[in-house]
Amino acid sequence: MLADEITHDLRTIRAEALAKAAASAHPVTLPLTSKGIGFGSVTASQHGEVDTSQVDGVDPDLRVRPFLRRVASFSMRAFAVGAFKDEMGWSRGSGPLQCH
């Protein structure tokens, strides 16, 4: 849920930059900050274009993906299996879950 909240905040800032640029007829750059974390900045043009070249730590779509995932779908089972295997040294052989 935290990732969704931050995503919402960042996209709200992008929308604010677009609205300010349209109203002022000049490009507007705003810092992308949520929950005390900085993600660079976004620049909106008066023509509705968004420059995300200064965005840092998140993809240009401003979607924060939990658990360092870069895919559209995610399962808790896959996360748990990966954690047991990679972080705890457990693997599934021909028998029960075994420790290396």
PDB file of N, CA and C in Angstrom:
ATOM      1  N   MET A   1       0.815  -1.191   0.000  1.00  0.00           N
ATOM      2  CA  MET A   1       0.000   0.000   0.000  1.00  0.00           C
ATOM      3  C   MET A   1       0.861   1.257   0.000  1.00  0.00           C
ATOM      4  N   LEU A   2       2.023   1.170   0.644  1.00  0.00           N
ATOM      5  CA  LEU A   2       2.915   2.333   0.674  1.00  0.00           C
ATOM      6  C   LEU A   2       3.347   2.701  -0.738  1.00  0.00           C
ATOM      7  N   ALA A   3       3.666   1.695  -1.547  1.00  0.00           N
ATOM      8  CA  ALA A   3       4.065   1.963  -2.930  1.00  0.00           C
ATOM      9  C   ALA A   3       2.936   2.657  -3.693  1.00  0.00           C
ATOM     10  N   ASP A   4       1.701   2.228  -3.457  1.00  0.00           N
ATOM     11  CA  ASP A   4       0.553   2.865  -4.123  1.00  0.00           C
ATOM     12  C   ASP A   4       0.376   4.310  -3.666  1.00  0.00           C
ATOM     13  N   GLU A   5       0.591   4.569  -2.378  1.00  0.00           N
ATOM     14  CA  GLU A   5       0.473   5.936  -1.864  1.00  0.00           C
ATOM     15  C   GLU A   5       1.523   6.849  -2.483  1.00  0.00           C
ATOM     16  N   ILE A   6       2.757   6.364  -2.557  1.00  0.00           N
ATOM     17  CA  ILE A   6       3.834   7.173  -3.143  1.00  0.00           C
ATOM     18  C   ILE A   6       3.570   7.397  -4.630  1.00  0.00           C
ATOM     19  N   THR A   7       3.129   6.352  -5.323  1.00  0.00           N
ATOM     20  CA  THR A   7       2.791   6.487  -6.747  1.00  0.00           C
ATOM     21  C   THR A   7       1.733   7.565  -6.940  1.00  0.00           C
ATOM     22  N   HIS A   8       0.704   7.542  -6.107  1.00  0.00           N
ATOM     23  CA  HIS A   8      -0.359   8.552  -6.189  1.00  0.00           C
ATOM     24  C   HIS A   8       0.216   9.957  -5.973  1.00  0.00           C
ATOM     25  N   ASP A   9       1.079  10.110  -4.964  1.00  0.00           N
ATOM     26  CA  ASP A   9       1.680  11.419  -4.686  1.00  0.00           C
ATOM     27  C   ASP A   9       2.492  11.920  -5.876  1.00  0.00           C
ATOM     28  N   LEU A  10       3.331  11.047  -6.442  1.00  0.00           N
ATOM     29  CA  LEU A  10       4.191  11.451  -7.561  1.00  0.00           C
ATOM     30  C   LEU A  10       3.366  11.826  -8.793  1.00  0.00           C
ATOM     31  N   ARG A  11       2.343  11.065  -9.059  1.00  0.00           N
ATOM     32  CA  ARG A  11       1.495  11.359 -10.222  1.00  0.00           C
ATOM     33  C   ARG A  11       0.659  12.620 -10.004  1.00  0.00           C
ATOM     34  N   THR A  12       0.319  12.908  -8.759  1.00  0.00           N
ATOM     35  CA  THR A  12      -0.378  14.157  -8.446  1.00  0.00           C
ATOM     36  C   THR A  12       0.539  15.346  -8.697  1.00  0.00           C
ATOM     37  N   ILE A  13       1.803  15.211  -8.339  1.00  0.00           N
ATOM     38  CA  ILE A  13       2.777  16.280  -8.596  1.00  0.00           C
ATOM     39  C   ILE A  13       2.935  16.487 -10.102  1.00  0.00           C
ATOM     40  N   ARG A  14       2.993  15.403 -10.860  1.00  0.00           N
ATOM     41  CA  ARG A  14       3.092  15.515 -12.325  1.00  0.00           C
ATOM     42  C   ARG A  14       1.881  16.250 -12.888  1.00  0.00           C
ATOM     43  N   ALA A  15       0.691  15.909 -12.409  1.00  0.00           N
ATOM     44  CA  ALA A  15      -0.536  16.587 -12.868  1.00  0.00           C
ATOM     45  C   ALA A  15      -0.522  18.063 -12.492  1.00  0.00           C
ATOM     46  N   GLU A  16      -0.003  18.373 -11.305  1.00  0.00           N
ATOM     47  CA  GLU A  16       0.101  19.773 -10.875  1.00  0.00           C
ATOM     48  C   GLU A  16       1.050  20.549 -11.787  1.00  0.00           C
ATOM     49  N   ALA A  17       2.173  19.927 -12.148  1.00  0.00           N
ATOM     50  CA  ALA A  17       3.125  20.583 -13.054  1.00  0.00           C
ATOM     51  C   ALA A  17       2.487  20.846 -14.412  1.00  0.00           C
ATOM     52  N   LEU A  18       1.723  19.879 -14.917  1.00  0.00           N
ATOM     53  CA  LEU A  18       1.038  20.068 -16.199  1.00  0.00           C
ATOM     54  C   LEU A  18       0.023  21.204 -16.133  1.00  0.00           C
ATOM     55  N   ALA A  19      -0.726  21.271 -15.041  1.00  0.00           N
ATOM     56  CA  ALA A  19      -1.737  22.328 -14.891  1.00  0.00           C
ATOM     57  C   ALA A  19      -1.078  23.702 -14.788  1.00  0.00           C
ATOM     58  N   LYS A  20      -0.004  23.794 -14.016  1.00  0.00           N
ATOM     59  CA  LYS A  20       0.691  25.084 -13.871  1.00  0.00           C
ATOM     60  C   LYS A  20       1.325  25.524 -15.183  1.00  0.00           C
ATOM     61  N   ALA A  21       1.879  24.571 -15.937  1.00  0.00           N
ATOM     62  CA  ALA A  21       2.502  24.920 -17.217  1.00  0.00           C
ATOM     63  C   ALA A  21       1.452  25.413 -18.210  1.00  0.00           C
ATOM     64  N   ALA A  22       0.294  24.767 -18.226  1.00  0.00           N
ATOM     65  CA  ALA A  22      -0.769  25.186 -19.138  1.00  0.00           C
ATOM     66  C   ALA A  22      -1.276  26.574 -18.771  1.00  0.00           C
ATOM     67  N   ALA A  23      -1.389  26.839 -17.480  1.00  0.00           N
ATOM     68  CA  ALA A  23      -1.908  28.133 -17.032  1.00  0.00           C
ATOM     69  C   ALA A  23      -0.919  29.271 -17.249  1.00  0.00           C
ATOM     70  N   SER A  24       0.372  28.975 -17.122  1.00  0.00           N
ATOM     71  CA  SER A  24       1.376  30.037 -17.222  1.00  0.00           C
ATOM     72  C   SER A  24       1.963  30.189 -18.622  1.00  0.00           C
ATOM     73  N   ALA A  25       1.702  29.207 -19.499  1.00  0.00           N
ATOM     74  CA  ALA A  25       2.268  29.181 -20.852  1.00  0.00           C
ATOM     75  C   ALA A  25       3.791  29.110 -20.842  1.00  0.00           C
ATOM     76  N   HIS A  26       4.357  28.559 -19.759  1.00  0.00           N
ATOM     77  CA  HIS A  26       5.799  28.338 -19.642  1.00  0.00           C
ATOM     78  C   HIS A  26       6.042  26.969 -19.022  1.00  0.00           C
ATOM     79  N   PRO A  27       7.194  26.354 -19.322  1.00  0.00           N
ATOM     80  CA  PRO A  27       7.519  25.076 -18.686  1.00  0.00           C
ATOM     81  C   PRO A  27       7.599  25.224 -17.159  1.00  0.00           C
ATOM     82  N   VAL A  28       7.181  24.188 -16.451  1.00  0.00           N
ATOM     83  CA  VAL A  28       7.205  24.190 -14.990  1.00  0.00           C
ATOM     84  C   VAL A  28       7.923  22.938 -14.519  1.00  0.00           C
ATOM     85  N   THR A  29       8.898  23.114 -13.629  1.00  0.00           N
ATOM     86  CA  THR A  29       9.622  22.001 -13.025  1.00  0.00           C
ATOM     87  C   THR A  29       9.264  21.926 -11.547  1.00  0.00           C
ATOM     88  N   LEU A  30       8.860  20.735 -11.107  1.00  0.00           N
ATOM     89  CA  LEU A  30       8.521  20.524  -9.705  1.00  0.00           C
ATOM     90  C   LEU A  30       9.325  19.340  -9.156  1.00  0.00           C
ATOM     91  N   PRO A  31       9.729  19.422  -7.898  1.00  0.00           N
ATOM     92  CA  PRO A  31      10.427  18.285  -7.280  1.00  0.00           C
ATOM     93  C   PRO A  31       9.441  17.163  -6.982  1.00  0.00           C
ATOM     94  N   LEU A  32       9.878  15.941  -7.191  1.00  0.00           N
ATOM     95  CA  LEU A  32       9.055  14.773  -6.885  1.00  0.00           C
ATOM     96  C   LEU A  32       9.453  14.263  -5.505  1.00  0.00           C
ATOM     97  N   THR A  33       8.639  14.564  -4.517  1.00  0.00           N
ATOM     98  CA  THR A  33       8.923  14.162  -3.140  1.00  0.00           C
ATOM     99  C   THR A  33       7.671  13.566  -2.521  1.00  0.00           C
ATOM    100  N   SER A  34       7.837  12.428  -1.858  1.00  0.00           N
ATOM    101  CA  SER A  34       6.729  11.794  -1.152  1.00  0.00           C
ATOM    102  C   SER A  34       7.267  11.065   0.065  1.00  0.00           C
ATOM    103  N   LYS A  35       6.602  11.222   1.183  1.00  0.00           N
ATOM    104  CA  LYS A  35       6.978  10.553   2.431  1.00  0.00           C
ATOM    105  C   LYS A  35       8.415  10.876   2.832  1.00  0.00           C
ATOM    106  N   GLY A  36       8.868  12.069   2.483  1.00  0.00           N
ATOM    107  CA  GLY A  36      10.219  12.490   2.808  1.00  0.00           C
ATOM    108  C   GLY A  36      11.298  11.927   1.898  1.00  0.00           C
ATOM    109  N   ILE A  37      10.904  11.276   0.815  1.00  0.00           N
ATOM    110  CA  ILE A  37      11.844  10.679  -0.133  1.00  0.00           C
ATOM    111  C   ILE A  37      11.810  11.482  -1.423  1.00  0.00           C
ATOM    112  N   GLY A  38      12.983  11.861  -1.909  1.00  0.00           N
ATOM    113  CA  GLY A  38      13.081  12.598  -3.163  1.00  0.00           C
ATOM    114  C   GLY A  38      13.280  11.670  -4.337  1.00  0.00           C
ATOM    115  N   PHE A  39      12.564  11.934  -5.418  1.00  0.00           N
ATOM    116  CA  PHE A  39      12.660  11.129  -6.635  1.00  0.00           C
ATOM    117  C   PHE A  39      13.052  11.990  -7.828  1.00  0.00           C
ATOM    118  N   GLY A  40      13.826  13.033  -7.588  1.00  0.00           N
ATOM    119  CA  GLY A  40      14.241  13.909  -8.666  1.00  0.00           C
ATOM    120  C   GLY A  40      13.185  14.965  -8.944  1.00  0.00           C
ATOM    121  N   SER A  41      13.010  15.271 -10.213  1.00  0.00           N
ATOM    122  CA  SER A  41      12.031  16.289 -10.587  1.00  0.00           C
ATOM    123  C   SER A  41      11.400  15.942 -11.929  1.00  0.00           C
ATOM    124  N   VAL A  42      10.306  16.621 -12.200  1.00  0.00           N
ATOM    125  CA  VAL A  42       9.591  16.446 -13.454  1.00  0.00           C
ATOM    126  C   VAL A  42       9.341  17.836 -14.038  1.00  0.00           C
ATOM    127  N   THR A  43       9.479  17.948 -15.363  1.00  0.00           N
ATOM    128  CA  THR A  43       9.240  19.213 -16.043  1.00  0.00           C
ATOM    129  C   THR A  43       8.101  19.031 -17.036  1.00  0.00           C
ATOM    130  N   ALA A  44       7.105  19.884 -16.916  1.00  0.00           N
ATOM    131  CA  ALA A  44       5.960  19.857 -17.828  1.00  0.00           C
ATOM    132  C   ALA A  44       6.017  21.076 -18.728  1.00  0.00           C
ATOM    133  N   SER A  45       5.726  20.862 -20.013  1.00  0.00           N
ATOM    134  CA  SER A  45       5.697  21.979 -20.949  1.00  0.00           C
ATOM    135  C   SER A  45       4.281  22.513 -21.060  1.00  0.00           C
ATOM    136  N   GLN A  46       4.174  23.711 -21.598  1.00  0.00           N
ATOM    137  CA  GLN A  46       2.863  24.314 -21.790  1.00  0.00           C
ATOM    138  C   GLN A  46       2.050  23.577 -22.852  1.00  0.00           C
ATOM    139  N   HIS A  47       2.693  22.672 -23.594  1.00  0.00           N
ATOM    140  CA  HIS A  47       2.015  21.908 -24.645  1.00  0.00           C
ATOM    141  C   HIS A  47       1.544  20.542 -24.147  1.00  0.00           C
ATOM    142  N   GLY A  48       1.727  20.267 -22.852  1.00  0.00           N
ATOM    143  CA  GLY A  48       1.269  19.001 -22.275  1.00  0.00           C
ATOM    144  C   GLY A  48       2.274  17.874 -22.301  1.00  0.00           C
ATOM    145  N   GLU A  49       3.511  18.178 -22.672  1.00  0.00           N
ATOM    146  CA  GLU A  49       4.555  17.154 -22.684  1.00  0.00           C
ATOM    147  C   GLU A  49       5.247  17.125 -21.329  1.00  0.00           C
ATOM    148  N   VAL A  50       5.722  15.940 -20.929  1.00  0.00           N
ATOM    149  CA  VAL A  50       6.389  15.786 -19.641  1.00  0.00           C
ATOM    150  C   VAL A  50       7.796  15.244 -19.863  1.00  0.00           C
ATOM    151  N   ASP A  51       8.773  15.939 -19.300  1.00  0.00           N
ATOM    152  CA  ASP A  51      10.174  15.515 -19.359  1.00  0.00           C
ATOM    153  C   ASP A  51      10.494  14.794 -18.052  1.00  0.00           C
ATOM    154  N   THR A  52      10.790  13.489 -18.143  1.00  0.00           N
ATOM    155  CA  THR A  52      11.104  12.695 -16.953  1.00  0.00           C
ATOM    156  C   THR A  52      12.591  12.350 -16.871  1.00  0.00           C
ATOM    157  N   SER A  53      13.428  13.066 -17.611  1.00  0.00           N
ATOM    158  CA  SER A  53      14.855  12.743 -17.621  1.00  0.00           C
ATOM    159  C   SER A  53      15.536  12.996 -16.277  1.00  0.00           C
ATOM    160  N   GLN A  54      14.924  13.794 -15.411  1.00  0.00           N
ATOM    161  CA  GLN A  54      15.498  14.076 -14.092  1.00  0.00           C
ATOM    162  C   GLN A  54      14.853  13.243 -12.979  1.00  0.00           C
ATOM    163  N   VAL A  55      14.003  12.297 -13.348  1.00  0.00           N
ATOM    164  CA  VAL A  55      13.389  11.397 -12.366  1.00  0.00           C
ATOM    165  C   VAL A  55      14.455  10.409 -11.904  1.00  0.00           C
ATOM    166  N   ASP A  56      14.508  10.176 -10.590  1.00  0.00           N
ATOM    167  CA  ASP A  56      15.547   9.319 -10.021  1.00  0.00           C
ATOM    168  C   ASP A  56      14.926   8.316  -9.053  1.00  0.00           C
ATOM    169  N   GLY A  57      15.265   7.049  -9.212  1.00  0.00           N
ATOM    170  CA  GLY A  57      14.828   6.029  -8.273  1.00  0.00           C
ATOM    171  C   GLY A  57      13.490   5.386  -8.579  1.00  0.00           C
ATOM    172  N   VAL A  58      12.858   5.784  -9.658  1.00  0.00           N
ATOM    173  CA  VAL A  58      11.568   5.215 -10.055  1.00  0.00           C
ATOM    174  C   VAL A  58      11.484   5.315 -11.575  1.00  0.00           C
ATOM    175  N   ASP A  59      10.715   4.431 -12.183  1.00  0.00           N
ATOM    176  CA  ASP A  59      10.561   4.454 -13.637  1.00  0.00           C
ATOM    177  C   ASP A  59       9.872   5.737 -14.095  1.00  0.00           C
ATOM    178  N   PRO A  60      10.044   6.116 -15.358  1.00  0.00           N
ATOM    179  CA  PRO A  60       9.418   7.340 -15.869  1.00  0.00           C
ATOM    180  C   PRO A  60       7.894   7.370 -15.755  1.00  0.00           C
ATOM    181  N   ASP A  61       7.255   6.204 -15.611  1.00  0.00           N
ATOM    182  CA  ASP A  61       5.794   6.203 -15.440  1.00  0.00           C
ATOM    183  C   ASP A  61       5.391   6.576 -14.008  1.00  0.00           C
ATOM    184  N   LEU A  62       6.389   6.797 -13.145  1.00  0.00           N
ATOM    185  CA  LEU A  62       6.202   7.201 -11.751  1.00  0.00           C
ATOM    186  C   LEU A  62       5.466   6.154 -10.919  1.00  0.00           C
ATOM    187  N   ARG A  63       5.509   4.912 -11.345  1.00  0.00           N
ATOM    188  CA  ARG A  63       4.894   3.808 -10.603  1.00  0.00           C
ATOM    189  C   ARG A  63       5.949   3.187  -9.701  1.00  0.00           C
ATOM    190  N   VAL A  64       5.710   3.237  -8.394  1.00  0.00           N
ATOM    191  CA  VAL A  64       6.612   2.613  -7.433  1.00  0.00           C
ATOM    192  C   VAL A  64       6.190   1.155  -7.308  1.00  0.00           C
ATOM    193  N   ARG A  65       7.138   0.267  -7.556  1.00  0.00           N
ATOM    194  CA  ARG A  65       6.853  -1.164  -7.504  1.00  0.00           C
ATOM    195  C   ARG A  65       7.457  -1.753  -6.237  1.00  0.00           C
ATOM    196  N   PRO A  66       6.640  -2.428  -5.427  1.00  0.00           N
ATOM    197  CA  PRO A  66       7.149  -2.970  -4.163  1.00  0.00           C
ATOM    198  C   PRO A  66       8.105  -4.129  -4.373  1.00  0.00           C
ATOM    199  N   PHE A  67       8.970  -4.344  -3.403  1.00  0.00           N
ATOM    200  CA  PHE A  67       9.909  -5.460  -3.395  1.00  0.00           C
ATOM    201  C   PHE A  67      10.830  -5.463  -4.600  1.00  0.00           C
ATOM    202  N   LEU A  68      11.153  -4.292  -5.114  1.00  0.00           N
ATOM    203  CA  LEU A  68      12.067  -4.129  -6.250  1.00  0.00           C
ATOM    204  C   LEU A  68      11.599  -4.875  -7.488  1.00  0.00           C
ATOM    205  N   ARG A  69      10.306  -5.057  -7.638  1.00  0.00           N
ATOM    206  CA  ARG A  69       9.757  -5.791  -8.777  1.00  0.00           C
ATOM    207  C   ARG A  69       9.599  -4.849  -9.962  1.00  0.00           C
ATOM    208  N   ARG A  70       9.913  -5.350 -11.150  1.00  0.00           N
ATOM    209  CA  ARG A  70       9.775  -4.569 -12.372  1.00  0.00           C
ATOM    210  C   ARG A  70       8.757  -5.197 -13.315  1.00  0.00           C
ATOM    211  N   VAL A  71       7.893  -6.049 -12.794  1.00  0.00           N
ATOM    212  CA  VAL A  71       6.898  -6.707 -13.632  1.00  0.00           C
ATOM    213  C   VAL A  71       5.512  -6.235 -13.226  1.00  0.00           C
ATOM    214  N   ALA A  72       4.548  -6.487 -14.100  1.00  0.00           N
ATOM    215  CA  ALA A  72       3.190  -6.021 -13.840  1.00  0.00           C
ATOM    216  C   ALA A  72       2.484  -6.866 -12.783  1.00  0.00           C
ATOM    217  N   SER A  73       2.786  -8.169 -12.722  1.00  0.00           N
ATOM    218  CA  SER A  73       2.123  -9.017 -11.735  1.00  0.00           C
ATOM    219  C   SER A  73       3.129  -9.504 -10.705  1.00  0.00           C
ATOM    220  N   PHE A  74       2.616  -9.829  -9.529  1.00  0.00           N
ATOM    221  CA  PHE A  74       3.478 -10.236  -8.436  1.00  0.00           C
ATOM    222  C   PHE A  74       2.671 -11.114  -7.501  1.00  0.00           C
ATOM    223  N   SER A  75       3.272 -12.205  -7.029  1.00  0.00           N
ATOM    224  CA  SER A  75       2.571 -13.045  -6.066  1.00  0.00           C
ATOM    225  C   SER A  75       3.396 -13.145  -4.796  1.00  0.00           C
ATOM    226  N   MET A  76       2.719 -13.201  -3.681  1.00  0.00           N
ATOM    227  CA  MET A  76       3.408 -13.344  -2.399  1.00  0.00           C
ATOM    228  C   MET A  76       4.108 -14.697  -2.319  1.00  0.00           C
ATOM    229  N   ARG A  77       3.543 -15.725  -2.965  1.00  0.00           N
ATOM    230  CA  ARG A  77       4.178 -17.039  -2.964  1.00  0.00           C
ATOM    231  C   ARG A  77       5.537 -16.971  -3.646  1.00  0.00           C
ATOM    232  N   ALA A  78       5.594 -16.303  -4.796  1.00  0.00           N
ATOM    233  CA  ALA A  78       6.866 -16.175  -5.513  1.00  0.00           C
ATOM    234  C   ALA A  78       7.889 -15.422  -4.670  1.00  0.00           C
ATOM    235  N   PHE A  79       7.445 -14.403  -3.962  1.00  0.00           N
ATOM    236  CA  PHE A  79       8.338 -13.651  -3.087  1.00  0.00           C
ATOM    237  C   PHE A  79       8.873 -14.535  -1.966  1.00  0.00           C
ATOM    238  N   ALA A  80       7.970 -15.308  -1.322  1.00  0.00           N
ATOM    239  CA  ALA A  80       8.375 -16.167  -0.207  1.00  0.00           C
ATOM    240  C   ALA A  80       9.334 -17.254  -0.671  1.00  0.00           C
ATOM    241  N   VAL A  81       9.049 -17.899  -1.804  1.00  0.00           N
ATOM    242  CA  VAL A  81       9.935 -18.938  -2.329  1.00  0.00           C
ATOM    243  C   VAL A  81      11.307 -18.349  -2.639  1.00  0.00           C
ATOM    244  N   GLY A  82      11.322 -17.183  -3.267  1.00  0.00           N
ATOM    245  CA  GLY A  82      12.600 -16.527  -3.569  1.00  0.00           C
ATOM    246  C   GLY A  82      13.367 -16.169  -2.316  1.00  0.00           C
ATOM    247  N   ALA A  83      12.659 -15.705  -1.292  1.00  0.00           N
ATOM    248  CA  ALA A  83      13.318 -15.351  -0.034  1.00  0.00           C
ATOM    249  C   ALA A  83      13.911 -16.579   0.636  1.00  0.00           C
ATOM    250  N   PHE A  84      13.153 -17.674   0.684  1.00  0.00           N
ATOM    251  CA  PHE A  84      13.680 -18.905   1.286  1.00  0.00           C
ATOM    252  C   PHE A  84      14.912 -19.389   0.529  1.00  0.00           C
ATOM    253  N   LYS A  85      14.849 -19.321  -0.784  1.00  0.00           N
ATOM    254  CA  LYS A  85      15.952 -19.821  -1.608  1.00  0.00           C
ATOM    255  C   LYS A  85      17.169 -18.893  -1.562  1.00  0.00           C
ATOM    256  N   ASP A  86      16.950 -17.619  -1.839  1.00  0.00           N
ATOM    257  CA  ASP A  86      18.064 -16.684  -1.992  1.00  0.00           C
ATOM    258  C   ASP A  86      18.604 -16.153  -0.672  1.00  0.00           C
ATOM    259  N   GLU A  87      17.731 -15.874   0.275  1.00  0.00           N
ATOM    260  CA  GLU A  87      18.162 -15.225   1.507  1.00  0.00           C
ATOM    261  C   GLU A  87      18.453 -16.206   2.636  1.00  0.00           C
ATOM    262  N   MET A  88      17.765 -17.344   2.629  1.00  0.00           N
ATOM    263  CA  MET A  88      17.926 -18.281   3.729  1.00  0.00           C
ATOM    264  C   MET A  88      18.663 -19.547   3.328  1.00  0.00           C
ATOM    265  N   GLY A  89      18.990 -19.678   2.055  1.00  0.00           N
ATOM    266  CA  GLY A  89      19.748 -20.831   1.589  1.00  0.00           C
ATOM    267  C   GLY A  89      18.953 -22.117   1.537  1.00  0.00           C
ATOM    268  N   TRP A  90      17.628 -22.033   1.478  1.00  0.00           N
ATOM    269  CA  TRP A  90      16.812 -23.235   1.411  1.00  0.00           C
ATOM    270  C   TRP A  90      16.490 -23.541  -0.036  1.00  0.00           C
ATOM    271  N   SER A  91      16.397 -24.809  -0.343  1.00  0.00           N
ATOM    272  CA  SER A  91      15.984 -25.190  -1.685  1.00  0.00           C
ATOM    273  C   SER A  91      15.067 -26.398  -1.605  1.00  0.00           C
ATOM    274  N   ARG A  92      14.377 -26.627  -2.664  1.00  0.00           N
ATOM    275  CA  ARG A  92      13.451 -27.761  -2.699  1.00  0.00           C
ATOM    276  C   ARG A  92      14.068 -28.819  -3.594  1.00  0.00           C
ATOM    277  N   GLY A  93      14.477 -29.906  -3.022  1.00  0.00           N
ATOM    278  CA  GLY A  93      15.041 -31.022  -3.774  1.00  0.00           C
ATOM    279  C   GLY A  93      13.972 -32.066  -4.005  1.00  0.00           C
ATOM    280  N   SER A  94      14.366 -33.350  -3.982  1.00  0.00           N
ATOM    281  CA  SER A  94      13.399 -34.403  -4.191  1.00  0.00           C
ATOM    282  C   SER A  94      12.566 -34.664  -2.946  1.00  0.00           C
ATOM    283  N   GLY A  95      13.039 -34.207  -1.797  1.00  0.00           N
ATOM    284  CA  GLY A  95      12.320 -34.430  -0.546  1.00  0.00           C
ATOM    285  C   GLY A  95      11.794 -33.122  -0.003  1.00  0.00           C
ATOM    286  N   PRO A  96      11.674 -33.058   1.318  1.00  0.00           N
ATOM    287  CA  PRO A  96      11.180 -31.831   1.940  1.00  0.00           C
ATOM    288  C   PRO A  96      12.172 -30.685   1.787  1.00  0.00           C
ATOM    289  N   LEU A  97      11.726 -29.503   2.101  1.00  0.00           N
ATOM    290  CA  LEU A  97      12.571 -28.316   2.016  1.00  0.00           C
ATOM    291  C   LEU A  97      13.838 -28.543   2.822  1.00  0.00           C
ATOM    292  N   GLN A  98      14.990 -28.364   2.199  1.00  0.00           N
ATOM    293  CA  GLN A  98      16.258 -28.662   2.854  1.00  0.00           C
ATOM    294  C   GLN A  98      17.123 -27.418   2.917  1.00  0.00           C
ATOM    295  N   CYS A  99      17.982 -27.361   3.932  1.00  0.00           N
ATOM    296  CA  CYS A  99      18.900 -26.238   4.094  1.00  0.00           C
ATOM    297  C   CYS A  99      20.271 -26.641   3.587  1.00  0.00           C
ATOM    298  N   HIS A 100      20.947 -25.746   2.881  1.00  0.00           N
ATOM    299  CA  HIS A 100      22.315 -25.999   2.382  1.00  0.00           C
ATOM    300  C   HIS A 100      23.323 -25.759   3.470  1.00  0.00           C
TER     301      HIS A 100
END
